Amino acid sequence: MKSVDTKLREILPIQWTKKQMDTAIWGKETLPDGRVSFWIRHEPVKAITPEMLVWWFQNLEGDIEFQGQTYNRYHVWHPEDHVHNSYSKRLPDGSVGSGAVIRLVEYLGRNPKYKINVETEIEKLDVTGFIHNPKFLGVIPIARMEYEFTTLPNATQYNNRLIIGWKHWSWRFFKFFVTKFAFNEKRGLAWIKHNIEEVGQFEAFLPALYKKELM
């Protein structure tokens, strides 16, 4: 992976209202193939459309004017936990879609134990949802992220799922160590909390950014 600054950043000095975990329905389950799934059904995201979400995931890089100042837009999405975002690989025409790769660095709950530093390949990105597959060191598949978007009146129902593990017989040998040490239940809850906060933050900045850059 390309070298980037992965140190935890200072919290952005902006006003934001973090949605609480009780605004969503969430849980943990073991799938029939033995993989572990943490899932969230978010409160409907107001004034957001699936088209806006597709555009956002295709345009994560860059700055944004927010509350009278210029900030990195990825930091505005989660002012406390986000560190770095870039596209490690775009499609041949320069766009972002299935086959492109995103570099992500963040700290769940600002906890150094819950640092995420991965490259993740986009499998699907359209108005029905977003799927990407994080790889440790850009090589080892460790998880699967599945998002589902459904249009509601002046809102979007946003559901997502983090699946830990891989579809291979070898998973049964590594499952205990991965779920005990690398991604245990506490870390899963930190991811749920972080995700509820960042999805709620869409309402604060995405409609204006989308309108400014596309309309």
N, C-alpha and C. Protein backbone atom coordinates (compact mmCIF):
# COMPACT_ATOMS: atom_id res chain seq x y z
N MET A 1 0.84 -1.20 0.00
CA MET A 1 0.00 0.00 0.00
C MET A 1 0.87 1.25 0.00
N LYS A 2 0.37 2.28 -0.63
CA LYS A 2 1.08 3.55 -0.67
C LYS A 2 1.18 4.13 0.74
N SER A 3 2.34 4.74 1.04
CA SER A 3 2.55 5.32 2.36
C SER A 3 1.71 6.59 2.55
N VAL A 4 0.95 6.64 3.63
CA VAL A 4 0.17 7.83 3.99
C VAL A 4 0.32 8.06 5.48
N ASP A 5 -0.01 9.26 5.92
CA ASP A 5 0.02 9.59 7.34
C ASP A 5 -1.19 8.95 8.01
N THR A 6 -0.94 7.98 8.88
CA THR A 6 -2.04 7.26 9.52
C THR A 6 -2.24 7.66 10.99
N LYS A 7 -1.56 8.71 11.44
CA LYS A 7 -1.70 9.13 12.84
C LYS A 7 -3.10 9.69 13.09
N LEU A 8 -3.60 9.46 14.29
CA LEU A 8 -4.90 9.99 14.70
C LEU A 8 -4.87 11.51 14.67
N ARG A 9 -5.86 12.12 14.06
CA ARG A 9 -5.91 13.57 13.91
C ARG A 9 -6.69 14.22 15.06
N GLU A 10 -6.52 15.53 15.17
CA GLU A 10 -7.32 16.27 16.14
C GLU A 10 -8.78 16.30 15.68
N ILE A 11 -9.68 16.37 16.62
CA ILE A 11 -11.11 16.45 16.29
C ILE A 11 -11.39 17.76 15.55
N LEU A 12 -12.13 17.68 14.45
CA LEU A 12 -12.46 18.91 13.73
C LEU A 12 -13.28 19.85 14.60
N PRO A 13 -12.98 21.13 14.57
CA PRO A 13 -13.71 22.09 15.41
C PRO A 13 -15.02 22.52 14.77
N ILE A 14 -15.91 21.58 14.58
CA ILE A 14 -17.21 21.90 13.99
C ILE A 14 -18.31 21.44 14.93
N GLN A 15 -19.48 22.00 14.71
CA GLN A 15 -20.65 21.58 15.48
C GLN A 15 -21.29 20.40 14.76
N TRP A 16 -21.55 19.35 15.49
CA TRP A 16 -22.27 18.23 14.88
C TRP A 16 -23.01 17.47 15.95
N THR A 17 -24.11 16.88 15.54
CA THR A 17 -24.95 16.11 16.45
C THR A 17 -24.78 14.63 16.13
N LYS A 18 -24.12 13.93 17.03
CA LYS A 18 -23.90 12.50 16.81
C LYS A 18 -25.18 11.72 17.12
N LYS A 19 -25.67 10.99 16.14
CA LYS A 19 -26.82 10.13 16.42
C LYS A 19 -26.40 9.04 17.40
N GLN A 20 -27.28 8.71 18.30
CA GLN A 20 -27.00 7.71 19.32
C GLN A 20 -27.36 6.31 18.83
N MET A 21 -26.80 5.32 19.48
CA MET A 21 -27.01 3.94 19.04
C MET A 21 -28.48 3.53 19.13
N ASP A 22 -29.24 4.16 20.02
CA ASP A 22 -30.65 3.77 20.15
C ASP A 22 -31.54 4.34 19.04
N THR A 23 -30.94 5.12 18.10
CA THR A 23 -31.72 5.60 16.95
C THR A 23 -31.81 4.54 15.86
N ALA A 24 -31.03 3.47 15.99
CA ALA A 24 -31.00 2.42 14.96
C ALA A 24 -31.30 1.07 15.60
N ILE A 25 -31.61 0.11 14.75
CA ILE A 25 -31.74 -1.28 15.17
C ILE A 25 -30.48 -2.00 14.71
N TRP A 26 -29.83 -2.71 15.58
CA TRP A 26 -28.55 -3.34 15.22
C TRP A 26 -28.36 -4.65 15.98
N GLY A 27 -27.41 -5.43 15.52
CA GLY A 27 -27.18 -6.70 16.19
C GLY A 27 -25.98 -7.45 15.62
N LYS A 28 -25.82 -8.65 16.11
CA LYS A 28 -24.72 -9.53 15.70
C LYS A 28 -25.30 -10.92 15.47
N GLU A 29 -24.80 -11.61 14.44
CA GLU A 29 -25.26 -12.96 14.19
C GLU A 29 -24.15 -13.77 13.54
N THR A 30 -24.28 -15.08 13.65
CA THR A 30 -23.37 -15.99 12.95
C THR A 30 -24.09 -16.53 11.73
N LEU A 31 -23.49 -16.37 10.56
CA LEU A 31 -24.09 -16.82 9.32
C LEU A 31 -23.97 -18.34 9.19
N PRO A 32 -24.79 -18.96 8.33
CA PRO A 32 -24.73 -20.42 8.16
C PRO A 32 -23.34 -20.95 7.81
N ASP A 33 -22.53 -20.13 7.12
CA ASP A 33 -21.20 -20.60 6.74
C ASP A 33 -20.15 -20.34 7.82
N GLY A 34 -20.59 -19.82 8.99
CA GLY A 34 -19.68 -19.61 10.11
C GLY A 34 -19.10 -18.22 10.23
N ARG A 35 -19.30 -17.38 9.21
CA ARG A 35 -18.81 -16.00 9.31
C ARG A 35 -19.65 -15.22 10.32
N VAL A 36 -19.07 -14.16 10.85
CA VAL A 36 -19.74 -13.35 11.87
C VAL A 36 -20.18 -12.04 11.26
N SER A 37 -21.43 -11.66 11.50
CA SER A 37 -22.00 -10.46 10.89
C SER A 37 -22.47 -9.48 11.96
N PHE A 38 -22.01 -8.24 11.86
CA PHE A 38 -22.55 -7.12 12.63
C PHE A 38 -23.41 -6.30 11.67
N TRP A 39 -24.65 -6.01 12.04
CA TRP A 39 -25.56 -5.37 11.10
C TRP A 39 -26.29 -4.19 11.74
N ILE A 40 -26.72 -3.26 10.87
CA ILE A 40 -27.42 -2.05 11.34
C ILE A 40 -28.57 -1.73 10.38
N ARG A 41 -29.72 -1.44 10.94
CA ARG A 41 -30.82 -0.83 10.19
C ARG A 41 -30.96 0.59 10.74
N HIS A 42 -30.47 1.55 9.97
CA HIS A 42 -30.42 2.93 10.44
C HIS A 42 -31.79 3.58 10.45
N GLU A 43 -31.93 4.59 11.27
CA GLU A 43 -33.06 5.49 11.16
C GLU A 43 -33.03 6.10 9.76
N PRO A 44 -34.18 6.28 9.09
CA PRO A 44 -34.15 6.87 7.74
C PRO A 44 -33.32 8.15 7.70
N VAL A 45 -32.49 8.26 6.66
CA VAL A 45 -31.59 9.40 6.51
C VAL A 45 -32.34 10.47 5.72
N LYS A 46 -32.69 11.55 6.39
CA LYS A 46 -33.56 12.57 5.81
C LYS A 46 -32.85 13.40 4.74
N ALA A 47 -33.63 13.75 3.69
CA ALA A 47 -33.16 14.61 2.60
C ALA A 47 -32.01 14.01 1.81
N ILE A 48 -31.85 12.70 1.90
CA ILE A 48 -30.80 11.99 1.18
C ILE A 48 -31.44 11.00 0.22
N THR A 49 -30.90 10.92 -1.01
CA THR A 49 -31.37 9.95 -1.99
C THR A 49 -30.27 8.93 -2.28
N PRO A 50 -30.64 7.75 -2.78
CA PRO A 50 -29.61 6.79 -3.17
C PRO A 50 -28.64 7.35 -4.21
N GLU A 51 -29.13 8.22 -5.11
CA GLU A 51 -28.25 8.83 -6.11
C GLU A 51 -27.17 9.67 -5.44
N MET A 52 -27.52 10.39 -4.38
CA MET A 52 -26.54 11.17 -3.63
C MET A 52 -25.47 10.26 -3.01
N LEU A 53 -25.91 9.12 -2.49
CA LEU A 53 -24.98 8.20 -1.83
C LEU A 53 -24.01 7.59 -2.83
N VAL A 54 -24.51 7.22 -4.01
CA VAL A 54 -23.62 6.70 -5.06
C VAL A 54 -22.59 7.76 -5.42
N TRP A 55 -23.05 8.99 -5.64
CA TRP A 55 -22.14 10.07 -5.98
C TRP A 55 -21.10 10.27 -4.88
N TRP A 56 -21.52 10.22 -3.63
CA TRP A 56 -20.61 10.42 -2.51
C TRP A 56 -19.48 9.39 -2.51
N PHE A 57 -19.84 8.13 -2.66
CA PHE A 57 -18.80 7.10 -2.62
C PHE A 57 -17.90 7.13 -3.85
N GLN A 58 -18.33 7.83 -4.90
CA GLN A 58 -17.49 8.03 -6.07
C GLN A 58 -16.64 9.29 -5.97
N ASN A 59 -16.91 10.10 -4.93
CA ASN A 59 -16.23 11.39 -4.81
C ASN A 59 -15.82 11.67 -3.37
N LEU A 60 -15.16 10.71 -2.76
CA LEU A 60 -14.74 10.84 -1.36
C LEU A 60 -13.56 11.78 -1.17
N GLU A 61 -12.79 11.96 -2.20
CA GLU A 61 -11.60 12.82 -2.09
C GLU A 61 -11.99 14.28 -2.24
N GLY A 62 -11.17 15.16 -1.65
CA GLY A 62 -11.39 16.60 -1.83
C GLY A 62 -11.84 17.30 -0.57
N ASP A 63 -12.07 18.60 -0.71
CA ASP A 63 -12.46 19.44 0.42
C ASP A 63 -13.92 19.86 0.31
N ILE A 64 -14.39 20.49 1.38
CA ILE A 64 -15.76 20.95 1.43
C ILE A 64 -15.80 22.24 2.25
N GLU A 65 -16.65 23.16 1.83
CA GLU A 65 -16.93 24.36 2.63
C GLU A 65 -18.02 23.99 3.63
N PHE A 66 -17.70 24.08 4.91
CA PHE A 66 -18.66 23.65 5.93
C PHE A 66 -18.55 24.56 7.14
N GLN A 67 -19.68 25.16 7.52
CA GLN A 67 -19.74 26.07 8.67
C GLN A 67 -18.68 27.18 8.55
N GLY A 68 -18.54 27.70 7.32
CA GLY A 68 -17.68 28.86 7.10
C GLY A 68 -16.20 28.57 6.96
N GLN A 69 -15.80 27.29 6.96
CA GLN A 69 -14.39 26.93 6.84
C GLN A 69 -14.24 25.84 5.77
N THR A 70 -13.00 25.63 5.33
CA THR A 70 -12.71 24.57 4.37
C THR A 70 -12.07 23.40 5.10
N TYR A 71 -12.65 22.22 4.91
CA TYR A 71 -12.15 21.02 5.55
C TYR A 71 -12.09 19.88 4.53
N ASN A 72 -11.33 18.87 4.85
CA ASN A 72 -11.36 17.64 4.08
C ASN A 72 -12.74 17.00 4.24
N ARG A 73 -13.36 16.64 3.14
CA ARG A 73 -14.75 16.15 3.22
C ARG A 73 -14.86 14.82 3.96
N TYR A 74 -13.83 13.98 3.87
CA TYR A 74 -13.87 12.71 4.59
C TYR A 74 -13.82 12.94 6.10
N HIS A 75 -13.09 13.97 6.53
CA HIS A 75 -13.03 14.30 7.96
C HIS A 75 -14.37 14.85 8.44
N VAL A 76 -15.03 15.62 7.59
CA VAL A 76 -16.34 16.15 7.97
C VAL A 76 -17.35 15.02 8.14
N TRP A 77 -17.21 13.96 7.36
CA TRP A 77 -18.13 12.83 7.45
C TRP A 77 -18.11 12.21 8.85
N HIS A 78 -16.93 12.12 9.45
CA HIS A 78 -16.84 11.76 10.88
C HIS A 78 -15.71 12.59 11.48
N PRO A 79 -16.06 13.72 12.14
CA PRO A 79 -15.06 14.69 12.61
C PRO A 79 -14.09 14.17 13.67
N GLU A 80 -14.40 13.04 14.27
CA GLU A 80 -13.54 12.52 15.33
C GLU A 80 -12.67 11.34 14.90
N ASP A 81 -13.22 10.43 14.12
CA ASP A 81 -12.56 9.15 13.86
C ASP A 81 -11.81 9.06 12.54
N HIS A 82 -12.21 9.83 11.52
CA HIS A 82 -11.64 9.66 10.19
C HIS A 82 -10.26 10.31 10.06
N VAL A 83 -9.37 9.64 9.35
CA VAL A 83 -8.00 10.11 9.16
C VAL A 83 -7.67 10.31 7.69
N HIS A 84 -7.89 9.31 6.86
CA HIS A 84 -7.47 9.40 5.46
C HIS A 84 -8.38 8.58 4.57
N ASN A 85 -8.61 9.11 3.36
CA ASN A 85 -9.32 8.39 2.32
C ASN A 85 -8.74 8.77 0.97
N SER A 86 -8.53 7.79 0.11
CA SER A 86 -8.09 8.05 -1.26
C SER A 86 -8.45 6.86 -2.12
N TYR A 87 -8.39 7.06 -3.42
CA TYR A 87 -8.63 5.96 -4.35
C TYR A 87 -7.29 5.40 -4.80
N SER A 88 -6.98 4.20 -4.34
CA SER A 88 -5.72 3.56 -4.73
C SER A 88 -5.75 3.13 -6.19
N LYS A 89 -6.94 2.84 -6.67
CA LYS A 89 -7.09 2.40 -8.06
C LYS A 89 -8.44 2.87 -8.58
N ARG A 90 -8.40 3.60 -9.68
CA ARG A 90 -9.62 3.98 -10.38
C ARG A 90 -9.80 3.10 -11.60
N LEU A 91 -10.96 3.22 -12.23
CA LEU A 91 -11.21 2.49 -13.46
C LEU A 91 -10.42 3.14 -14.60
N PRO A 92 -10.23 2.45 -15.71
CA PRO A 92 -9.42 3.01 -16.81
C PRO A 92 -9.83 4.39 -17.28
N ASP A 93 -11.13 4.70 -17.18
CA ASP A 93 -11.60 6.03 -17.61
C ASP A 93 -11.50 7.07 -16.50
N GLY A 94 -10.93 6.68 -15.33
CA GLY A 94 -10.76 7.62 -14.23
C GLY A 94 -11.91 7.67 -13.26
N SER A 95 -12.97 6.93 -13.54
CA SER A 95 -14.14 6.95 -12.67
C SER A 95 -13.98 5.95 -11.53
N VAL A 96 -14.98 5.91 -10.65
CA VAL A 96 -14.98 5.00 -9.50
C VAL A 96 -16.22 4.13 -9.56
N GLY A 97 -15.99 2.82 -9.52
CA GLY A 97 -17.09 1.87 -9.58
C GLY A 97 -16.55 0.48 -9.32
N SER A 98 -17.27 -0.52 -9.75
CA SER A 98 -16.86 -1.89 -9.54
C SER A 98 -15.46 -2.13 -10.10
N GLY A 99 -14.55 -2.58 -9.23
CA GLY A 99 -13.16 -2.80 -9.62
C GLY A 99 -12.21 -1.76 -9.10
N ALA A 100 -12.71 -0.60 -8.70
CA ALA A 100 -11.85 0.43 -8.11
C ALA A 100 -11.50 0.04 -6.67
N VAL A 101 -10.45 0.65 -6.14
CA VAL A 101 -9.97 0.31 -4.79
C VAL A 101 -9.85 1.59 -3.96
N ILE A 102 -10.38 1.54 -2.73
CA ILE A 102 -10.35 2.68 -1.82
C ILE A 102 -9.37 2.40 -0.68
N ARG A 103 -8.58 3.39 -0.31
CA ARG A 103 -7.72 3.31 0.87
C ARG A 103 -8.42 4.03 2.02
N LEU A 104 -8.55 3.37 3.15
CA LEU A 104 -9.24 3.92 4.31
C LEU A 104 -8.37 3.86 5.55
N VAL A 105 -8.33 4.96 6.29
CA VAL A 105 -7.68 4.97 7.60
C VAL A 105 -8.61 5.68 8.57
N GLU A 106 -8.95 5.00 9.65
CA GLU A 106 -9.80 5.59 10.69
C GLU A 106 -9.61 4.85 12.00
N TYR A 107 -10.03 5.49 13.08
CA TYR A 107 -9.93 4.90 14.41
C TYR A 107 -11.33 4.86 15.01
N LEU A 108 -11.88 3.69 15.20
CA LEU A 108 -13.23 3.57 15.75
C LEU A 108 -13.24 4.08 17.18
N GLY A 109 -14.05 5.10 17.44
CA GLY A 109 -14.10 5.68 18.77
C GLY A 109 -12.79 6.32 19.21
N ARG A 110 -11.94 6.67 18.24
CA ARG A 110 -10.62 7.26 18.50
C ARG A 110 -9.74 6.34 19.35
N ASN A 111 -10.02 5.06 19.29
CA ASN A 111 -9.29 4.09 20.09
C ASN A 111 -8.14 3.50 19.25
N PRO A 112 -6.89 3.68 19.68
CA PRO A 112 -5.76 3.14 18.92
C PRO A 112 -5.85 1.62 18.70
N LYS A 113 -6.55 0.92 19.59
CA LYS A 113 -6.71 -0.52 19.42
C LYS A 113 -7.64 -0.86 18.25
N TYR A 114 -8.45 0.12 17.85
CA TYR A 114 -9.43 -0.12 16.80
C TYR A 114 -9.08 0.67 15.54
N LYS A 115 -7.82 0.71 15.23
CA LYS A 115 -7.36 1.38 14.02
C LYS A 115 -7.69 0.55 12.79
N ILE A 116 -8.20 1.21 11.77
CA ILE A 116 -8.47 0.56 10.48
C ILE A 116 -7.55 1.20 9.44
N ASN A 117 -6.79 0.38 8.77
CA ASN A 117 -5.87 0.86 7.74
C ASN A 117 -5.86 -0.20 6.64
N VAL A 118 -6.77 -0.05 5.69
CA VAL A 118 -6.98 -1.09 4.69
C VAL A 118 -7.15 -0.51 3.29
N GLU A 119 -6.98 -1.38 2.31
CA GLU A 119 -7.44 -1.12 0.97
C GLU A 119 -8.64 -2.03 0.74
N THR A 120 -9.66 -1.49 0.09
CA THR A 120 -10.89 -2.26 -0.09
C THR A 120 -11.39 -2.10 -1.52
N GLU A 121 -11.65 -3.23 -2.17
CA GLU A 121 -12.08 -3.23 -3.57
C GLU A 121 -13.59 -3.15 -3.67
N ILE A 122 -14.06 -2.26 -4.52
CA ILE A 122 -15.50 -2.10 -4.75
C ILE A 122 -16.01 -3.24 -5.62
N GLU A 123 -17.00 -3.93 -5.12
CA GLU A 123 -17.65 -5.01 -5.88
C GLU A 123 -18.90 -4.49 -6.57
N LYS A 124 -19.61 -3.59 -5.89
CA LYS A 124 -20.86 -3.07 -6.42
C LYS A 124 -21.07 -1.66 -5.91
N LEU A 125 -21.57 -0.77 -6.78
CA LEU A 125 -21.93 0.57 -6.36
C LEU A 125 -23.00 1.10 -7.31
N ASP A 126 -24.25 1.08 -6.84
CA ASP A 126 -25.35 1.62 -7.62
C ASP A 126 -26.45 2.06 -6.66
N VAL A 127 -27.59 2.48 -7.18
CA VAL A 127 -28.63 3.07 -6.34
C VAL A 127 -29.28 2.05 -5.40
N THR A 128 -29.01 0.77 -5.59
CA THR A 128 -29.56 -0.24 -4.68
C THR A 128 -28.61 -0.54 -3.52
N GLY A 129 -27.33 -0.17 -3.68
CA GLY A 129 -26.41 -0.44 -2.58
C GLY A 129 -24.94 -0.39 -2.97
N PHE A 130 -24.11 -0.73 -2.00
CA PHE A 130 -22.66 -0.61 -2.13
C PHE A 130 -22.05 -1.82 -1.43
N ILE A 131 -21.15 -2.51 -2.12
CA ILE A 131 -20.44 -3.64 -1.52
C ILE A 131 -18.95 -3.45 -1.76
N HIS A 132 -18.15 -3.59 -0.70
CA HIS A 132 -16.70 -3.56 -0.89
C HIS A 132 -16.05 -4.56 0.05
N ASN A 133 -14.83 -4.95 -0.29
CA ASN A 133 -14.17 -6.05 0.39
C ASN A 133 -12.79 -5.64 0.89
N PRO A 134 -12.67 -5.27 2.17
CA PRO A 134 -11.38 -4.85 2.73
C PRO A 134 -10.36 -5.98 2.74
N LYS A 135 -9.10 -5.60 2.47
CA LYS A 135 -8.01 -6.57 2.50
C LYS A 135 -6.87 -6.05 3.38
N PHE A 136 -6.44 -6.85 4.32
CA PHE A 136 -5.32 -6.50 5.19
C PHE A 136 -4.04 -6.47 4.37
N LEU A 137 -3.27 -5.37 4.50
CA LEU A 137 -2.05 -5.15 3.73
C LEU A 137 -2.33 -5.15 2.22
N GLY A 138 -3.59 -4.90 1.86
CA GLY A 138 -3.97 -4.87 0.47
C GLY A 138 -4.02 -6.22 -0.19
N VAL A 139 -3.85 -7.30 0.59
CA VAL A 139 -3.73 -8.64 0.01
C VAL A 139 -4.69 -9.64 0.64
N ILE A 140 -4.75 -9.68 1.98
CA ILE A 140 -5.46 -10.73 2.69
C ILE A 140 -6.91 -10.33 2.92
N PRO A 141 -7.88 -11.08 2.35
CA PRO A 141 -9.30 -10.73 2.55
C PRO A 141 -9.69 -10.98 4.01
N ILE A 142 -10.28 -9.98 4.63
CA ILE A 142 -10.62 -10.11 6.04
C ILE A 142 -12.09 -9.87 6.33
N ALA A 143 -12.78 -9.17 5.43
CA ALA A 143 -14.16 -8.78 5.74
C ALA A 143 -14.90 -8.45 4.46
N ARG A 144 -16.19 -8.23 4.64
CA ARG A 144 -17.05 -7.82 3.54
C ARG A 144 -18.02 -6.77 4.08
N MET A 145 -18.18 -5.67 3.35
CA MET A 145 -19.09 -4.60 3.75
C MET A 145 -20.23 -4.54 2.75
N GLU A 146 -21.45 -4.67 3.24
CA GLU A 146 -22.62 -4.64 2.37
C GLU A 146 -23.56 -3.52 2.82
N TYR A 147 -23.89 -2.62 1.90
CA TYR A 147 -24.82 -1.53 2.17
C TYR A 147 -26.05 -1.73 1.27
N GLU A 148 -27.20 -1.37 1.80
CA GLU A 148 -28.45 -1.46 1.03
C GLU A 148 -29.18 -0.12 1.12
N PHE A 149 -29.55 0.44 -0.04
CA PHE A 149 -30.25 1.73 -0.09
C PHE A 149 -31.67 1.52 -0.63
N THR A 150 -32.65 2.09 0.06
CA THR A 150 -34.04 2.02 -0.39
C THR A 150 -34.65 3.41 -0.32
N THR A 151 -35.27 3.86 -1.41
CA THR A 151 -35.86 5.19 -1.46
C THR A 151 -37.12 5.26 -0.62
N LEU A 152 -37.20 6.29 0.22
CA LEU A 152 -38.38 6.61 1.00
C LEU A 152 -38.81 8.04 0.67
N PRO A 153 -39.99 8.47 1.08
CA PRO A 153 -40.38 9.86 0.86
C PRO A 153 -39.39 10.82 1.53
N ASN A 154 -38.65 11.58 0.73
CA ASN A 154 -37.68 12.56 1.22
C ASN A 154 -36.66 11.95 2.18
N ALA A 155 -36.28 10.71 1.94
CA ALA A 155 -35.31 10.05 2.82
C ALA A 155 -34.82 8.77 2.14
N THR A 156 -33.83 8.16 2.74
CA THR A 156 -33.34 6.86 2.28
C THR A 156 -33.22 5.92 3.47
N GLN A 157 -33.73 4.70 3.30
CA GLN A 157 -33.47 3.67 4.29
C GLN A 157 -32.10 3.08 3.99
N TYR A 158 -31.22 3.18 4.96
CA TYR A 158 -29.81 2.81 4.80
C TYR A 158 -29.52 1.68 5.77
N ASN A 159 -29.27 0.50 5.24
CA ASN A 159 -28.93 -0.66 6.07
C ASN A 159 -27.52 -1.10 5.70
N ASN A 160 -26.76 -1.53 6.67
CA ASN A 160 -25.46 -2.08 6.31
C ASN A 160 -25.02 -3.19 7.24
N ARG A 161 -24.04 -3.95 6.72
CA ARG A 161 -23.61 -5.17 7.38
C ARG A 161 -22.10 -5.32 7.21
N LEU A 162 -21.42 -5.60 8.30
CA LEU A 162 -20.00 -5.92 8.28
C LEU A 162 -19.86 -7.41 8.56
N ILE A 163 -19.32 -8.14 7.60
CA ILE A 163 -19.15 -9.58 7.73
C ILE A 163 -17.68 -9.90 7.93
N ILE A 164 -17.36 -10.54 9.03
CA ILE A 164 -15.98 -10.91 9.34
C ILE A 164 -15.74 -12.37 8.95
N GLY A 165 -14.67 -12.60 8.17
CA GLY A 165 -14.34 -13.95 7.76
C GLY A 165 -14.38 -14.10 6.26
N TRP A 166 -14.20 -15.32 5.78
CA TRP A 166 -14.17 -15.57 4.35
C TRP A 166 -14.82 -16.92 4.05
N LYS A 167 -15.31 -17.06 2.81
CA LYS A 167 -15.99 -18.29 2.39
C LYS A 167 -14.96 -19.32 1.95
N HIS A 168 -14.38 -19.99 2.90
CA HIS A 168 -13.40 -21.04 2.61
C HIS A 168 -13.30 -21.92 3.84
N TRP A 169 -13.02 -23.22 3.62
CA TRP A 169 -12.95 -24.13 4.75
C TRP A 169 -11.92 -23.71 5.79
N SER A 170 -10.90 -22.93 5.37
CA SER A 170 -9.85 -22.51 6.30
C SER A 170 -10.36 -21.56 7.39
N TRP A 171 -11.53 -20.92 7.14
CA TRP A 171 -12.06 -19.97 8.12
C TRP A 171 -12.29 -20.62 9.47
N ARG A 172 -12.71 -21.88 9.47
CA ARG A 172 -13.01 -22.54 10.75
C ARG A 172 -11.77 -22.69 11.63
N PHE A 173 -10.58 -22.68 11.01
CA PHE A 173 -9.35 -22.78 11.79
C PHE A 173 -8.92 -21.43 12.38
N PHE A 174 -9.30 -20.34 11.69
CA PHE A 174 -8.86 -19.01 12.10
C PHE A 174 -9.94 -18.24 12.86
N LYS A 175 -11.18 -18.73 12.80
CA LYS A 175 -12.30 -17.97 13.36
C LYS A 175 -12.08 -17.60 14.82
N PHE A 176 -11.65 -18.53 15.66
CA PHE A 176 -11.48 -18.24 17.08
C PHE A 176 -10.50 -17.09 17.29
N PHE A 177 -9.37 -17.13 16.62
CA PHE A 177 -8.33 -16.12 16.83
C PHE A 177 -8.76 -14.76 16.29
N VAL A 178 -9.43 -14.76 15.12
CA VAL A 178 -9.87 -13.49 14.53
C VAL A 178 -10.95 -12.85 15.39
N THR A 179 -11.95 -13.62 15.80
CA THR A 179 -13.07 -13.06 16.56
C THR A 179 -12.72 -12.83 18.03
N LYS A 180 -11.65 -13.43 18.50
CA LYS A 180 -11.23 -13.25 19.89
C LYS A 180 -10.27 -12.07 20.04
N PHE A 181 -9.39 -11.90 19.05
CA PHE A 181 -8.33 -10.91 19.19
C PHE A 181 -8.39 -9.80 18.13
N ALA A 182 -8.56 -10.13 16.86
CA ALA A 182 -8.49 -9.12 15.81
C ALA A 182 -9.78 -8.30 15.70
N PHE A 183 -10.94 -8.98 15.75
CA PHE A 183 -12.21 -8.26 15.63
C PHE A 183 -13.23 -8.92 16.54
N ASN A 184 -13.11 -8.57 17.82
CA ASN A 184 -14.01 -9.16 18.81
C ASN A 184 -15.30 -8.36 18.92
N GLU A 185 -16.16 -8.75 19.85
CA GLU A 185 -17.47 -8.11 19.97
C GLU A 185 -17.35 -6.64 20.37
N LYS A 186 -16.39 -6.28 21.21
CA LYS A 186 -16.22 -4.88 21.60
C LYS A 186 -15.87 -4.02 20.38
N ARG A 187 -15.00 -4.56 19.54
CA ARG A 187 -14.65 -3.81 18.33
C ARG A 187 -15.85 -3.73 17.39
N GLY A 188 -16.64 -4.80 17.32
CA GLY A 188 -17.85 -4.77 16.52
C GLY A 188 -18.82 -3.70 16.98
N LEU A 189 -18.98 -3.56 18.29
CA LEU A 189 -19.86 -2.51 18.83
C LEU A 189 -19.30 -1.13 18.54
N ALA A 190 -17.97 -0.99 18.57
CA ALA A 190 -17.35 0.30 18.23
C ALA A 190 -17.63 0.64 16.77
N TRP A 191 -17.60 -0.37 15.90
CA TRP A 191 -17.92 -0.13 14.49
C TRP A 191 -19.38 0.29 14.34
N ILE A 192 -20.29 -0.38 15.05
CA ILE A 192 -21.71 -0.02 14.97
C ILE A 192 -21.92 1.43 15.40
N LYS A 193 -21.33 1.81 16.51
CA LYS A 193 -21.46 3.18 17.01
C LYS A 193 -20.91 4.18 16.00
N HIS A 194 -19.72 3.91 15.49
CA HIS A 194 -19.09 4.79 14.51
C HIS A 194 -19.97 4.93 13.27
N ASN A 195 -20.51 3.83 12.80
CA ASN A 195 -21.29 3.86 11.58
C ASN A 195 -22.60 4.61 11.75
N ILE A 196 -23.25 4.44 12.88
CA ILE A 196 -24.47 5.18 13.15
C ILE A 196 -24.18 6.68 13.16
N GLU A 197 -23.04 7.07 13.71
CA GLU A 197 -22.67 8.48 13.77
C GLU A 197 -22.39 9.04 12.38
N GLU A 198 -21.63 8.32 11.56
CA GLU A 198 -21.26 8.87 10.25
C GLU A 198 -22.46 8.88 9.30
N VAL A 199 -23.31 7.87 9.36
CA VAL A 199 -24.49 7.88 8.49
C VAL A 199 -25.42 9.03 8.88
N GLY A 200 -25.56 9.28 10.16
CA GLY A 200 -26.36 10.42 10.60
C GLY A 200 -25.80 11.76 10.14
N GLN A 201 -24.48 11.83 10.01
CA GLN A 201 -23.82 13.07 9.60
C GLN A 201 -24.11 13.43 8.15
N PHE A 202 -24.53 12.47 7.33
CA PHE A 202 -24.89 12.78 5.95
C PHE A 202 -25.89 13.93 5.87
N GLU A 203 -26.86 13.92 6.79
CA GLU A 203 -27.91 14.93 6.75
C GLU A 203 -27.36 16.34 6.88
N ALA A 204 -26.21 16.47 7.54
CA ALA A 204 -25.66 17.80 7.82
C ALA A 204 -24.91 18.41 6.64
N PHE A 205 -24.32 17.56 5.77
CA PHE A 205 -23.46 18.15 4.75
C PHE A 205 -23.73 17.67 3.32
N LEU A 206 -24.25 16.45 3.13
CA LEU A 206 -24.31 15.90 1.78
C LEU A 206 -25.29 16.60 0.85
N PRO A 207 -26.51 16.95 1.27
CA PRO A 207 -27.41 17.63 0.33
C PRO A 207 -26.81 18.91 -0.26
N ALA A 208 -26.18 19.73 0.58
CA ALA A 208 -25.60 20.98 0.08
C ALA A 208 -24.40 20.72 -0.82
N LEU A 209 -23.56 19.76 -0.46
CA LEU A 209 -22.38 19.44 -1.28
C LEU A 209 -22.81 18.90 -2.63
N TYR A 210 -23.78 18.01 -2.64
CA TYR A 210 -24.27 17.42 -3.88
C TYR A 210 -24.86 18.50 -4.80
N LYS A 211 -25.65 19.37 -4.21
CA LYS A 211 -26.26 20.44 -5.00
C LYS A 211 -25.22 21.37 -5.58
N LYS A 212 -24.21 21.71 -4.81
CA LYS A 212 -23.15 22.62 -5.24
C LYS A 212 -22.34 22.03 -6.39
N GLU A 213 -22.01 20.76 -6.30
CA GLU A 213 -21.09 20.16 -7.27
C GLU A 213 -21.78 19.52 -8.47
N LEU A 214 -23.07 19.24 -8.35
CA LEU A 214 -23.74 18.52 -9.45
C LEU A 214 -24.91 19.26 -10.06
N MET A 215 -25.50 20.18 -9.33
CA MET A 215 -26.74 20.77 -9.84
C MET A 215 -26.54 22.24 -10.22
